[in-house]
Structure formats: C-alpha cells, structure tokens
C-alpha cells in the first residue's frame, strides 16, 4: 500500500517571525557560515541569498501584509498573523477527491456489492499510523491531517486495527459497514488515548449547479465552535467535539470562513449559505481562532474537518475535503 505521509493538505499557521532585533540565519552561503541577523524595523539587510550587495526588502511589522506564498508578483497578499494567532497564510488548502471507477479492495467480497471506506488521521501527538482491516494491511505512513483514498470493504462488522510503524497496537475496534455506502473512519484523540469515529459520506441532496457544505469537529481539545462567514453571518453554531453538522447548499464562488466562539443562537438548518441573515451585524466581530478559504465548484460535496494541533482549545487547524 501507499505511504500517505504526503497526502496532507491542512490549513496551518506559518512559522512566526522572530521579535525585532533577534537573529537567526536566514541563508547559509559559503558552507555553514551563519547568515545575517534579521534587521530592526526600518533597517535594511539581505534576507534572501543573492549576488547583489544591496539591502533586501524590509520585513513587515506584525499585522501588515507581505508575500508569504510564492506568487511571482511583488505585492502584499494575506497579512501575516500576530504571534500566537492562527489563520491561513496561503489560500488553496482544499483537498480534492475524485471518484474512482474501480476502488482498490481493502477487504471485500468478490462478486458481491461492497461499501467504501477511507481513513483520516485527526489525532495529534502521535507518529504516523498503520491501519489494518481484519489483519489485512491497508495503509502506512498515515501522518496527522492525512487522508487515504477510498477502498472497498465488505458489509457487516469488520475489525479495524491502528498500530505504530513498529507494530505497537494503539487501538482495535469493530466497525459496521453497509453495501453501497461510503464512510470516513477518523482516528481521533480521546480520554483513554485514541478512538475511531465513523462519518457517513452519503451524497447530499443538491440542486443542479449547486454544492453542499458541512463541518465536522474532530478537535478533541476544542470548546463548542461557531462557523461564520467573513461578513459575520453565522453558518453553524455550537459545533461540539465529534459533531457532524447537517449539509447546507452553497453556490459556486470563493468563501472565507471564521471559526470562533460566540453566544449567538444556532442558525436555522434549512437556510442556504447565501440566504443566511446577518445576526451579528450590530455586534463586534469576536476573536477569530482560525480562518480558512473554500473555492466552491458546482456539483461537489465539501467537508471541513476541524482538528486540534495540541491540548490548547485555541490550537485549531482545518482540512477541507472536496468530494465529487
């Protein structure tokens, strides 16, 4: 089976810039010679190796823009977060999953109808896992925020085993599967260490040209979370750990979402994202724990997995999966 350590497409904060005046090599020309210290605000200095003996561009102050994603244009992009704050530093963190005409057989009945399953590592603090179904090796190198492709699995109860690369068994659990049904098995943190959570991936009901959107909170350390659009409209409210929201229809376009904690009432389930009322229009925008972008395409199903990066309730990141 494949190594899925490179199948990770998550929205994580970039590395923080050092405090003004603090050094650290930013280039090592000449074989191991420390590079120049980062300049104080307003001072020049080379911050990128080059052949010219000229000062480089000054680093921006906290909260100011600056290119943090390769783009080929010398223009500011998304502002850098303040120290300790999260948020995406580069757009485009959606993980597309296209239907396979003949998914591999994880553990299936030849000549009979089978279900489909994939595995997501949502557990922080562990080295990459190996996954088995009924002692059959399925995946290895499954690092944090990584997702396997779908594979076929026989209907009925099957035993899922999660081990380390050295064979140490972390978890073994019997899970139910149904023919012609798809699901994601998430490896999550729990009070006893690890647990498995089965998430149904049954197709959503959507109008032609529209897509569906939902959120799944797999962040063990989080408080109940609210998902807002950038203009303050509430999409979901009080999404708790292990909760999977209902689907909402969404039109094609680019959307920015904020994850935060508010005291707002839950939004009615039947409303589409475009028709949500702006319940927060007269209130101050709450502190944002993390933000993310979704470029919605027609006729797709979007699931936003919220993950914990460590034991802090504020240490969140997202993984957006597009199923077509």
C-alpha atoms as a PDB file:
ATOM      1  CA  UNK A   1       0.000   0.000   0.000  1.00  0.00           C
ATOM      2  CA  UNK A   2       0.958   3.602  -0.425  1.00  0.00           C
ATOM      3  CA  UNK A   3       2.636   5.878   2.065  1.00  0.00           C
ATOM      4  CA  UNK A   4       0.151   8.659   2.854  1.00  0.00           C
ATOM      5  CA  UNK A   5       2.537  10.990   4.676  1.00  0.00           C
ATOM      6  CA  UNK A   6       2.348  13.401   1.712  1.00  0.00           C
ATOM      7  CA  UNK A   7      -1.462  13.311   1.434  1.00  0.00           C
ATOM      8  CA  UNK A   8      -1.826  16.084   3.981  1.00  0.00           C
ATOM      9  CA  UNK A   9      -3.476  19.340   2.867  1.00  0.00           C
ATOM     10  CA  UNK A  10      -4.318  21.248   6.038  1.00  0.00           C
ATOM     11  CA  UNK A  11      -4.665  24.925   6.922  1.00  0.00           C
ATOM     12  CA  UNK A  12      -1.971  25.532   9.496  1.00  0.00           C
ATOM     13  CA  UNK A  13      -0.329  28.756  10.666  1.00  0.00           C
ATOM     14  CA  UNK A  14       3.052  29.501   9.135  1.00  0.00           C
ATOM     15  CA  UNK A  15       6.181  29.907  11.201  1.00  0.00           C
ATOM     16  CA  UNK A  16       6.224  33.056  13.313  1.00  0.00           C
ATOM     17  CA  UNK A  17       8.757  35.767  12.541  1.00  0.00           C
ATOM     18  CA  UNK A  18      11.289  36.488  15.330  1.00  0.00           C
ATOM     19  CA  UNK A  19      10.980  39.543  17.525  1.00  0.00           C
ATOM     20  CA  UNK A  20      12.659  42.716  16.210  1.00  0.00           C
ATOM     21  CA  UNK A  21      16.378  42.554  16.730  1.00  0.00           C
ATOM     22  CA  UNK A  22      16.548  38.829  17.255  1.00  0.00           C
ATOM     23  CA  UNK A  23      18.767  36.986  14.870  1.00  0.00           C
ATOM     24  CA  UNK A  24      18.946  33.660  13.234  1.00  0.00           C
ATOM     25  CA  UNK A  25      20.450  32.505   9.988  1.00  0.00           C
ATOM     26  CA  UNK A  26      18.225  33.175   7.015  1.00  0.00           C
ATOM     27  CA  UNK A  27      20.761  31.965   4.486  1.00  0.00           C
ATOM     28  CA  UNK A  28      23.933  30.000   4.769  1.00  0.00           C
ATOM     29  CA  UNK A  29      26.188  30.967   1.845  1.00  0.00           C
ATOM     30  CA  UNK A  30      29.730  29.786   1.926  1.00  0.00           C
ATOM     31  CA  UNK A  31      29.099  26.457   3.625  1.00  0.00           C
ATOM     32  CA  UNK A  32      27.844  26.664   7.181  1.00  0.00           C
ATOM     33  CA  UNK A  33      28.612  30.339   7.824  1.00  0.00           C
ATOM     34  CA  UNK A  34      25.752  31.959   9.763  1.00  0.00           C
ATOM     35  CA  UNK A  35      23.704  34.371   7.707  1.00  0.00           C
ATOM     36  CA  UNK A  36      22.943  37.959   8.596  1.00  0.00           C
ATOM     37  CA  UNK A  37      20.711  38.736  11.535  1.00  0.00           C
ATOM     38  CA  UNK A  38      17.249  39.976  10.746  1.00  0.00           C
ATOM     39  CA  UNK A  39      17.216  43.801  10.733  1.00  0.00           C
ATOM     40  CA  UNK A  40      15.421  46.026  13.192  1.00  0.00           C
ATOM     41  CA  UNK A  41      12.297  47.715  11.823  1.00  0.00           C
ATOM     42  CA  UNK A  42      13.346  50.363   9.324  1.00  0.00           C
ATOM     43  CA  UNK A  43      16.788  48.900   8.677  1.00  0.00           C
ATOM     44  CA  UNK A  44      17.798  47.062   5.562  1.00  0.00           C
ATOM     45  CA  UNK A  45      19.776  43.921   5.178  1.00  0.00           C
ATOM     46  CA  UNK A  46      19.841  40.866   2.991  1.00  0.00           C
ATOM     47  CA  UNK A  47      17.147  38.360   3.839  1.00  0.00           C
ATOM     48  CA  UNK A  48      17.478  36.242   0.698  1.00  0.00           C
ATOM     49  CA  UNK A  49      20.683  34.950  -0.848  1.00  0.00           C
ATOM     50  CA  UNK A  50      21.583  36.840  -3.972  1.00  0.00           C
ATOM     51  CA  UNK A  51      24.566  38.027  -5.881  1.00  0.00           C
ATOM     52  CA  UNK A  52      23.992  41.738  -5.368  1.00  0.00           C
ATOM     53  CA  UNK A  53      25.464  43.558  -2.374  1.00  0.00           C
ATOM     54  CA  UNK A  54      22.286  45.518  -1.788  1.00  0.00           C
ATOM     55  CA  UNK A  55      19.834  45.588   1.091  1.00  0.00           C
ATOM     56  CA  UNK A  56      16.815  43.319   0.737  1.00  0.00           C
ATOM     57  CA  UNK A  57      13.218  44.286   1.352  1.00  0.00           C
ATOM     58  CA  UNK A  58      12.342  45.112   4.948  1.00  0.00           C
ATOM     59  CA  UNK A  59      10.194  42.660   6.828  1.00  0.00           C
ATOM     60  CA  UNK A  60       6.665  43.942   7.550  1.00  0.00           C
ATOM     61  CA  UNK A  61       5.523  44.848  11.024  1.00  0.00           C
ATOM     62  CA  UNK A  62       3.143  42.367  12.713  1.00  0.00           C
ATOM     63  CA  UNK A  63      -0.279  42.514  11.060  1.00  0.00           C
ATOM     64  CA  UNK A  64       0.998  44.127   7.866  1.00  0.00           C
ATOM     65  CA  UNK A  65       0.966  42.408   4.524  1.00  0.00           C
ATOM     66  CA  UNK A  66       3.803  40.868   2.653  1.00  0.00           C
ATOM     67  CA  UNK A  67       4.307  37.982   0.301  1.00  0.00           C
ATOM     68  CA  UNK A  68       4.163  34.758   2.261  1.00  0.00           C
ATOM     69  CA  UNK A  69       3.230  32.490  -0.634  1.00  0.00           C
ATOM     70  CA  UNK A  70       5.147  32.184  -3.923  1.00  0.00           C
ATOM     71  CA  UNK A  71       3.246  34.154  -6.451  1.00  0.00           C
ATOM     72  CA  UNK A  72       5.634  35.899  -8.817  1.00  0.00           C
ATOM     73  CA  UNK A  73       4.277  39.350  -8.036  1.00  0.00           C
ATOM     74  CA  UNK A  74       5.840  41.824  -5.643  1.00  0.00           C
ATOM     75  CA  UNK A  75       2.543  42.679  -3.983  1.00  0.00           C
ATOM     76  CA  UNK A  76       1.234  42.004  -0.476  1.00  0.00           C
ATOM     77  CA  UNK A  77      -1.040  39.022  -0.067  1.00  0.00           C
ATOM     78  CA  UNK A  78      -2.733  37.741   3.093  1.00  0.00           C
ATOM     79  CA  UNK A  79      -1.452  39.612   6.183  1.00  0.00           C
ATOM     80  CA  UNK A  80       0.855  37.685   8.457  1.00  0.00           C
ATOM     81  CA  UNK A  81      -0.828  36.700  11.745  1.00  0.00           C
ATOM     82  CA  UNK A  82       0.274  38.208  15.024  1.00  0.00           C
ATOM     83  CA  UNK A  83       2.448  35.954  17.192  1.00  0.00           C
ATOM     84  CA  UNK A  84       0.386  33.116  18.622  1.00  0.00           C
ATOM     85  CA  UNK A  85      -2.560  33.694  16.315  1.00  0.00           C
ATOM     86  CA  UNK A  86      -3.642  31.201  13.712  1.00  0.00           C
ATOM     87  CA  UNK A  87      -5.078  31.641  10.284  1.00  0.00           C
ATOM     88  CA  UNK A  88      -4.151  30.595   6.771  1.00  0.00           C
ATOM     89  CA  UNK A  89      -1.071  32.170   5.233  1.00  0.00           C
ATOM     90  CA  UNK A  90      -1.758  30.777   1.795  1.00  0.00           C
ATOM     91  CA  UNK A  91      -5.110  30.117   0.092  1.00  0.00           C
ATOM     92  CA  UNK A  92      -5.926  26.896  -1.699  1.00  0.00           C
ATOM     93  CA  UNK A  93      -5.992  24.285   1.063  1.00  0.00           C
ATOM     94  CA  UNK A  94      -8.848  22.202  -0.385  1.00  0.00           C
ATOM     95  CA  UNK A  95      -8.102  18.505  -0.838  1.00  0.00           C
ATOM     96  CA  UNK A  96      -9.955  17.274  -3.977  1.00  0.00           C
ATOM     97  CA  UNK A  97     -11.159  13.668  -4.118  1.00  0.00           C
ATOM     98  CA  UNK A  98     -12.342  12.381  -7.488  1.00  0.00           C
ATOM     99  CA  UNK A  99     -14.478   9.236  -7.865  1.00  0.00           C
ATOM    100  CA  UNK A 100     -12.563   6.097  -8.794  1.00  0.00           C
ATOM    101  CA  UNK A 101     -14.166   3.747 -11.344  1.00  0.00           C
ATOM    102  CA  UNK A 102     -12.733   0.727  -9.525  1.00  0.00           C
ATOM    103  CA  UNK A 103     -11.538   1.493  -5.969  1.00  0.00           C
ATOM    104  CA  UNK A 104      -8.985  -0.938  -4.527  1.00  0.00           C
ATOM    105  CA  UNK A 105     -10.197  -3.843  -2.440  1.00  0.00           C
ATOM    106  CA  UNK A 106      -9.340  -3.201   1.206  1.00  0.00           C
ATOM    107  CA  UNK A 107     -11.359  -6.171   2.443  1.00  0.00           C
ATOM    108  CA  UNK A 108     -14.205  -7.076   0.109  1.00  0.00           C
ATOM    109  CA  UNK A 109     -16.413  -9.887  -1.149  1.00  0.00           C
ATOM    110  CA  UNK A 110     -15.611 -10.756  -4.750  1.00  0.00           C
ATOM    111  CA  UNK A 111     -18.689 -10.678  -6.963  1.00  0.00           C
ATOM    112  CA  UNK A 112     -20.836  -9.004  -4.310  1.00  0.00           C
ATOM    113  CA  UNK A 113     -21.726  -5.414  -3.568  1.00  0.00           C
ATOM    114  CA  UNK A 114     -19.422  -3.694  -1.101  1.00  0.00           C
ATOM    115  CA  UNK A 115     -19.213  -0.426   0.763  1.00  0.00           C
ATOM    116  CA  UNK A 116     -16.388   2.104   0.574  1.00  0.00           C
ATOM    117  CA  UNK A 117     -14.192   3.448   3.361  1.00  0.00           C
ATOM    118  CA  UNK A 118     -11.246   5.817   3.760  1.00  0.00           C
ATOM    119  CA  UNK A 119      -9.148   6.718   6.792  1.00  0.00           C
ATOM    120  CA  UNK A 120      -8.305  10.140   8.238  1.00  0.00           C
ATOM    121  CA  UNK A 121      -5.668  10.758  10.908  1.00  0.00           C
ATOM    122  CA  UNK A 122      -7.102  13.508  13.127  1.00  0.00           C
ATOM    123  CA  UNK A 123      -5.067  12.623  16.248  1.00  0.00           C
ATOM    124  CA  UNK A 124      -2.275  14.980  17.285  1.00  0.00           C
ATOM    125  CA  UNK A 125       0.756  13.904  19.288  1.00  0.00           C
ATOM    126  CA  UNK A 126       1.450  10.594  17.537  1.00  0.00           C
ATOM    127  CA  UNK A 127       3.816   9.357  14.866  1.00  0.00           C
ATOM    128  CA  UNK A 128       2.283   8.131  11.576  1.00  0.00           C
ATOM    129  CA  UNK A 129      -0.017   5.126  11.861  1.00  0.00           C
ATOM    130  CA  UNK A 130      -0.528   1.858  10.078  1.00  0.00           C
ATOM    131  CA  UNK A 131      -4.113   0.700   9.501  1.00  0.00           C
ATOM    132  CA  UNK A 132      -5.431  -2.853   9.120  1.00  0.00           C
ATOM    133  CA  UNK A 133      -8.859  -4.320   8.372  1.00  0.00           C
ATOM    134  CA  UNK A 134      -9.208  -7.848   9.764  1.00  0.00           C
ATOM    135  CA  UNK A 135      -5.400  -8.108   9.939  1.00  0.00           C
ATOM    136  CA  UNK A 136      -5.062  -7.084   6.282  1.00  0.00           C
ATOM    137  CA  UNK A 137      -2.610  -4.207   5.818  1.00  0.00           C
ATOM    138  CA  UNK A 138      -4.412  -1.171   4.359  1.00  0.00           C
ATOM    139  CA  UNK A 139      -2.240   1.925   4.787  1.00  0.00           C
ATOM    140  CA  UNK A 140       1.054   3.032   6.294  1.00  0.00           C
ATOM    141  CA  UNK A 141       2.716   6.358   6.946  1.00  0.00           C
ATOM    142  CA  UNK A 142      -0.652   7.929   7.761  1.00  0.00           C
ATOM    143  CA  UNK A 143       0.521  11.157   9.368  1.00  0.00           C
ATOM    144  CA  UNK A 144      -1.502  13.816  11.144  1.00  0.00           C
ATOM    145  CA  UNK A 145      -4.105  15.507   8.887  1.00  0.00           C
ATOM    146  CA  UNK A 146      -3.633  12.858   6.180  1.00  0.00           C
ATOM    147  CA  UNK A 147      -6.363  11.057   4.259  1.00  0.00           C
ATOM    148  CA  UNK A 148      -6.318   7.788   2.316  1.00  0.00           C
ATOM    149  CA  UNK A 149      -8.322   7.235  -0.872  1.00  0.00           C
ATOM    150  CA  UNK A 150     -11.467   5.142  -0.727  1.00  0.00           C
ATOM    151  CA  UNK A 151     -11.258   1.366  -0.822  1.00  0.00           C
ATOM    152  CA  UNK A 152     -13.922  -1.313  -0.988  1.00  0.00           C
ATOM    153  CA  UNK A 153     -14.971  -3.134   2.162  1.00  0.00           C
ATOM    154  CA  UNK A 154     -17.427  -5.983   2.736  1.00  0.00           C
ATOM    155  CA  UNK A 155     -20.703  -5.242   4.501  1.00  0.00           C
ATOM    156  CA  UNK A 156     -21.037  -6.233   8.136  1.00  0.00           C
ATOM    157  CA  UNK A 157     -18.800  -5.673  11.146  1.00  0.00           C
ATOM    158  CA  UNK A 158     -15.066  -5.534  10.408  1.00  0.00           C
ATOM    159  CA  UNK A 159     -12.186  -5.177  12.857  1.00  0.00           C
ATOM    160  CA  UNK A 160     -10.065  -2.035  12.434  1.00  0.00           C
ATOM    161  CA  UNK A 161      -6.581  -2.070  13.960  1.00  0.00           C
ATOM    162  CA  UNK A 162      -4.358   1.007  14.309  1.00  0.00           C
ATOM    163  CA  UNK A 163      -0.668   0.454  15.040  1.00  0.00           C
ATOM    164  CA  UNK A 164       2.569   2.373  15.047  1.00  0.00           C
ATOM    165  CA  UNK A 165       5.296   1.778  12.473  1.00  0.00           C
ATOM    166  CA  UNK A 166       6.951  -0.565  14.987  1.00  0.00           C
ATOM    167  CA  UNK A 167       3.840  -2.733  15.256  1.00  0.00           C
ATOM    168  CA  UNK A 168       2.648  -1.415  18.623  1.00  0.00           C
ATOM    169  CA  UNK A 169      -1.157  -1.734  18.718  1.00  0.00           C
ATOM    170  CA  UNK A 170      -2.792   1.540  19.744  1.00  0.00           C
ATOM    171  CA  UNK A 171      -6.374   0.619  19.043  1.00  0.00           C
ATOM    172  CA  UNK A 172      -8.561  -2.238  17.815  1.00  0.00           C
ATOM    173  CA  UNK A 173     -12.280  -1.780  17.260  1.00  0.00           C
ATOM    174  CA  UNK A 174     -15.137  -3.448  15.389  1.00  0.00           C
ATOM    175  CA  UNK A 175     -16.941  -1.098  12.974  1.00  0.00           C
ATOM    176  CA  UNK A 176     -20.113  -1.639  10.874  1.00  0.00           C
ATOM    177  CA  UNK A 177     -20.178  -1.215   7.086  1.00  0.00           C
ATOM    178  CA  UNK A 178     -23.048  -1.307   4.604  1.00  0.00           C
ATOM    179  CA  UNK A 179     -23.142  -2.172   0.921  1.00  0.00           C
ATOM    180  CA  UNK A 180     -23.246   0.797  -1.474  1.00  0.00           C
ATOM    181  CA  UNK A 181     -22.439   3.216   1.354  1.00  0.00           C
ATOM    182  CA  UNK A 182     -19.308   5.338   1.805  1.00  0.00           C
ATOM    183  CA  UNK A 183     -17.770   6.475   5.069  1.00  0.00           C
ATOM    184  CA  UNK A 184     -14.669   8.051   6.570  1.00  0.00           C
ATOM    185  CA  UNK A 185     -13.074   6.460   9.628  1.00  0.00           C
ATOM    186  CA  UNK A 186     -11.304   9.177  11.630  1.00  0.00           C
ATOM    187  CA  UNK A 187      -8.581   8.352  14.134  1.00  0.00           C
ATOM    188  CA  UNK A 188      -9.178  10.838  16.955  1.00  0.00           C
ATOM    189  CA  UNK A 189      -7.816  11.694  20.375  1.00  0.00           C
ATOM    190  CA  UNK A 190      -9.801  10.542  23.404  1.00  0.00           C
ATOM    191  CA  UNK A 191      -9.579  10.481  27.187  1.00  0.00           C
ATOM    192  CA  UNK A 192      -8.074   6.990  27.028  1.00  0.00           C
ATOM    193  CA  UNK A 193      -5.679   7.815  24.175  1.00  0.00           C
ATOM    194  CA  UNK A 194      -7.210   7.095  20.768  1.00  0.00           C
ATOM    195  CA  UNK A 195     -10.608   6.222  19.352  1.00  0.00           C
ATOM    196  CA  UNK A 196     -12.269   5.687  15.966  1.00  0.00           C
ATOM    197  CA  UNK A 197     -15.180   7.755  14.675  1.00  0.00           C
ATOM    198  CA  UNK A 198     -17.201   6.724  11.621  1.00  0.00           C
ATOM    199  CA  UNK A 199     -18.515   9.576   9.455  1.00  0.00           C
ATOM    200  CA  UNK A 200     -21.108   8.893   6.762  1.00  0.00           C
ATOM    201  CA  UNK A 201     -20.185  10.230   3.327  1.00  0.00           C
ATOM    202  CA  UNK A 202     -23.573   9.565   1.732  1.00  0.00           C
ATOM    203  CA  UNK A 203     -24.180  12.050  -1.095  1.00  0.00           C
ATOM    204  CA  UNK A 204     -26.084  15.196  -0.180  1.00  0.00           C
ATOM    205  CA  UNK A 205     -29.218  16.438  -1.904  1.00  0.00           C
ATOM    206  CA  UNK A 206     -28.298  19.434  -4.031  1.00  0.00           C
ATOM    207  CA  UNK A 207     -29.864  21.421  -6.831  1.00  0.00           C
ATOM    208  CA  UNK A 208     -28.199  21.355 -10.277  1.00  0.00           C
ATOM    209  CA  UNK A 209     -25.161  23.624 -10.348  1.00  0.00           C
ATOM    210  CA  UNK A 210     -25.003  23.885  -6.550  1.00  0.00           C
ATOM    211  CA  UNK A 211     -22.849  22.133  -3.969  1.00  0.00           C
ATOM    212  CA  UNK A 212     -23.138  21.047  -0.341  1.00  0.00           C
ATOM    213  CA  UNK A 213     -21.120  22.178   2.672  1.00  0.00           C
ATOM    214  CA  UNK A 214     -20.753  20.743   6.172  1.00  0.00           C
ATOM    215  CA  UNK A 215     -18.390  20.861   9.154  1.00  0.00           C
ATOM    216  CA  UNK A 216     -17.057  18.038  11.325  1.00  0.00           C
ATOM    217  CA  UNK A 217     -15.418  18.911  14.646  1.00  0.00           C
ATOM    218  CA  UNK A 218     -12.655  16.389  15.394  1.00  0.00           C
ATOM    219  CA  UNK A 219     -10.726  18.776  17.668  1.00  0.00           C
ATOM    220  CA  UNK A 220     -10.580  16.930  20.990  1.00  0.00           C
ATOM    221  CA  UNK A 221      -9.382  19.986  22.932  1.00  0.00           C
ATOM    222  CA  UNK A 222     -11.865  22.481  21.486  1.00  0.00           C
ATOM    223  CA  UNK A 223     -14.816  24.226  23.064  1.00  0.00           C
ATOM    224  CA  UNK A 224     -18.139  24.391  21.167  1.00  0.00           C
ATOM    225  CA  UNK A 225     -17.352  26.290  17.978  1.00  0.00           C
ATOM    226  CA  UNK A 226     -19.201  28.660  15.663  1.00  0.00           C
ATOM    227  CA  UNK A 227     -18.524  28.926  11.935  1.00  0.00           C
ATOM    228  CA  UNK A 228     -19.110  32.375  10.459  1.00  0.00           C
ATOM    229  CA  UNK A 229     -18.723  33.926   7.052  1.00  0.00           C
ATOM    230  CA  UNK A 230     -16.278  36.814   6.836  1.00  0.00           C
ATOM    231  CA  UNK A 231     -19.171  39.320   6.878  1.00  0.00           C
ATOM    232  CA  UNK A 232     -20.424  37.954  10.213  1.00  0.00           C
ATOM    233  CA  UNK A 233     -23.237  35.675   9.068  1.00  0.00           C
ATOM    234  CA  UNK A 234     -23.494  32.524  11.173  1.00  0.00           C
ATOM    235  CA  UNK A 235     -23.328  29.275   9.208  1.00  0.00           C
ATOM    236  CA  UNK A 236     -23.197  26.863  12.169  1.00  0.00           C
ATOM    237  CA  UNK A 237     -23.366  27.416  15.907  1.00  0.00           C
ATOM    238  CA  UNK A 238     -22.125  25.392  18.905  1.00  0.00           C
ATOM    239  CA  UNK A 239     -20.452  22.621  16.913  1.00  0.00           C
ATOM    240  CA  UNK A 240     -19.102  20.278  19.577  1.00  0.00           C
ATOM    241  CA  UNK A 241     -16.387  17.636  19.501  1.00  0.00           C
ATOM    242  CA  UNK A 242     -17.422  14.610  17.372  1.00  0.00           C
ATOM    243  CA  UNK A 243     -20.373  16.530  15.916  1.00  0.00           C
ATOM    244  CA  UNK A 244     -21.057  16.438  12.170  1.00  0.00           C
ATOM    245  CA  UNK A 245     -23.338  19.249  11.017  1.00  0.00           C
ATOM    246  CA  UNK A 246     -26.140  18.948   8.516  1.00  0.00           C
ATOM    247  CA  UNK A 247     -25.411  19.929   4.923  1.00  0.00           C
ATOM    248  CA  UNK A 248     -26.137  23.413   3.617  1.00  0.00           C
ATOM    249  CA  UNK A 249     -26.390  24.254  -0.061  1.00  0.00           C
ATOM    250  CA  UNK A 250     -23.813  26.665  -1.417  1.00  0.00           C
ATOM    251  CA  UNK A 251     -23.341  28.299  -4.806  1.00  0.00           C
ATOM    252  CA  UNK A 252     -20.170  28.442  -6.823  1.00  0.00           C
ATOM    253  CA  UNK A 253     -17.678  31.056  -5.622  1.00  0.00           C
ATOM    254  CA  UNK A 254     -14.907  31.840  -3.152  1.00  0.00           C
ATOM    255  CA  UNK A 255     -15.803  31.949   0.548  1.00  0.00           C
ATOM    256  CA  UNK A 256     -13.855  32.981   3.622  1.00  0.00           C
ATOM    257  CA  UNK A 257     -14.917  31.399   6.909  1.00  0.00           C
ATOM    258  CA  UNK A 258     -14.039  32.187  10.519  1.00  0.00           C
ATOM    259  CA  UNK A 259     -14.040  29.702  13.387  1.00  0.00           C
ATOM    260  CA  UNK A 260     -14.769  31.403  16.684  1.00  0.00           C
ATOM    261  CA  UNK A 261     -16.735  31.170  19.939  1.00  0.00           C
ATOM    262  CA  UNK A 262     -19.854  33.329  20.303  1.00  0.00           C
ATOM    263  CA  UNK A 263     -23.118  33.343  22.239  1.00  0.00           C
ATOM    264  CA  UNK A 264     -25.236  33.557  19.088  1.00  0.00           C
ATOM    265  CA  UNK A 265     -28.221  31.299  18.633  1.00  0.00           C
ATOM    266  CA  UNK A 266     -27.963  28.413  16.166  1.00  0.00           C
ATOM    267  CA  UNK A 267     -28.797  29.278  12.592  1.00  0.00           C
ATOM    268  CA  UNK A 268     -31.914  27.546  11.163  1.00  0.00           C
ATOM    269  CA  UNK A 269     -30.843  24.347   9.453  1.00  0.00           C
ATOM    270  CA  UNK A 270     -32.916  24.831   6.290  1.00  0.00           C
ATOM    271  CA  UNK A 271     -31.241  28.045   5.141  1.00  0.00           C
ATOM    272  CA  UNK A 272     -28.696  28.044   2.332  1.00  0.00           C
ATOM    273  CA  UNK A 273     -25.420  29.827   2.968  1.00  0.00           C
ATOM    274  CA  UNK A 274     -26.382  32.671   0.593  1.00  0.00           C
ATOM    275  CA  UNK A 275     -29.690  33.321   2.379  1.00  0.00           C
ATOM    276  CA  UNK A 276     -28.387  33.421   5.953  1.00  0.00           C
ATOM    277  CA  UNK A 277     -29.362  36.529   7.885  1.00  0.00           C
ATOM    278  CA  UNK A 278     -26.603  38.710   9.319  1.00  0.00           C
ATOM    279  CA  UNK A 279     -27.259  38.104  13.030  1.00  0.00           C
ATOM    280  CA  UNK A 280     -24.013  39.766  14.052  1.00  0.00           C
ATOM    281  CA  UNK A 281     -24.392  42.951  12.024  1.00  0.00           C
ATOM    282  CA  UNK A 282     -24.729  45.172  15.103  1.00  0.00           C
ATOM    283  CA  UNK A 283     -22.161  43.317  17.234  1.00  0.00           C
ATOM    284  CA  UNK A 284     -18.409  43.463  17.330  1.00  0.00           C
ATOM    285  CA  UNK A 285     -16.742  40.603  15.468  1.00  0.00           C
ATOM    286  CA  UNK A 286     -15.485  38.078  18.058  1.00  0.00           C
ATOM    287  CA  UNK A 287     -11.902  36.871  18.265  1.00  0.00           C
ATOM    288  CA  UNK A 288     -11.147  34.533  15.391  1.00  0.00           C
ATOM    289  CA  UNK A 289      -9.464  31.248  16.325  1.00  0.00           C
ATOM    290  CA  UNK A 290      -8.690  30.252  12.743  1.00  0.00           C
ATOM    291  CA  UNK A 291      -9.888  31.195   9.270  1.00  0.00           C
ATOM    292  CA  UNK A 292      -9.978  29.292   6.005  1.00  0.00           C
ATOM    293  CA  UNK A 293     -10.982  29.683   2.374  1.00  0.00           C
ATOM    294  CA  UNK A 294     -13.092  27.420   0.188  1.00  0.00           C
ATOM    295  CA  UNK A 295     -13.281  27.798  -3.584  1.00  0.00           C
ATOM    296  CA  UNK A 296     -16.624  26.144  -4.265  1.00  0.00           C
ATOM    297  CA  UNK A 297     -17.161  24.404  -7.578  1.00  0.00           C
ATOM    298  CA  UNK A 298     -20.553  23.169  -8.824  1.00  0.00           C
ATOM    299  CA  UNK A 299     -21.840  19.676  -8.030  1.00  0.00           C
ATOM    300  CA  UNK A 300     -19.410  18.875  -5.216  1.00  0.00           C
ATOM    301  CA  UNK A 301     -19.605  17.968  -1.538  1.00  0.00           C
ATOM    302  CA  UNK A 302     -17.357  19.897   0.879  1.00  0.00           C
ATOM    303  CA  UNK A 303     -16.464  18.685   4.360  1.00  0.00           C
ATOM    304  CA  UNK A 304     -14.404  20.896   6.673  1.00  0.00           C
ATOM    305  CA  UNK A 305     -12.627  18.841   9.321  1.00  0.00           C
ATOM    306  CA  UNK A 306     -11.599  20.872  12.383  1.00  0.00           C
ATOM    307  CA  UNK A 307      -8.526  19.415  14.088  1.00  0.00           C
ATOM    308  CA  UNK A 308      -6.597  20.109  17.304  1.00  0.00           C
ATOM    309  CA  UNK A 309      -2.861  20.770  16.928  1.00  0.00           C
ATOM    310  CA  UNK A 310      -2.212  20.317  20.664  1.00  0.00           C
ATOM    311  CA  UNK A 311      -4.046  20.353  24.001  1.00  0.00           C
ATOM    312  CA  UNK A 312      -4.952  24.062  23.872  1.00  0.00           C
ATOM    313  CA  UNK A 313      -8.602  24.859  22.970  1.00  0.00           C
ATOM    314  CA  UNK A 314      -7.351  27.618  20.646  1.00  0.00           C
ATOM    315  CA  UNK A 315      -4.821  25.445  18.759  1.00  0.00           C
ATOM    316  CA  UNK A 316      -7.027  24.605  15.777  1.00  0.00           C
ATOM    317  CA  UNK A 317      -6.492  23.928  12.112  1.00  0.00           C
ATOM    318  CA  UNK A 318      -8.750  22.891   9.267  1.00  0.00           C
ATOM    319  CA  UNK A 319      -8.707  20.360   6.471  1.00  0.00           C
ATOM    320  CA  UNK A 320     -11.149  20.935   3.605  1.00  0.00           C
ATOM    321  CA  UNK A 321     -12.070  17.865   1.539  1.00  0.00           C
ATOM    322  CA  UNK A 322     -13.912  18.173  -1.771  1.00  0.00           C
ATOM    323  CA  UNK A 323     -15.743  15.030  -2.935  1.00  0.00           C
ATOM    324  CA  UNK A 324     -17.019  14.961  -6.486  1.00  0.00           C
END
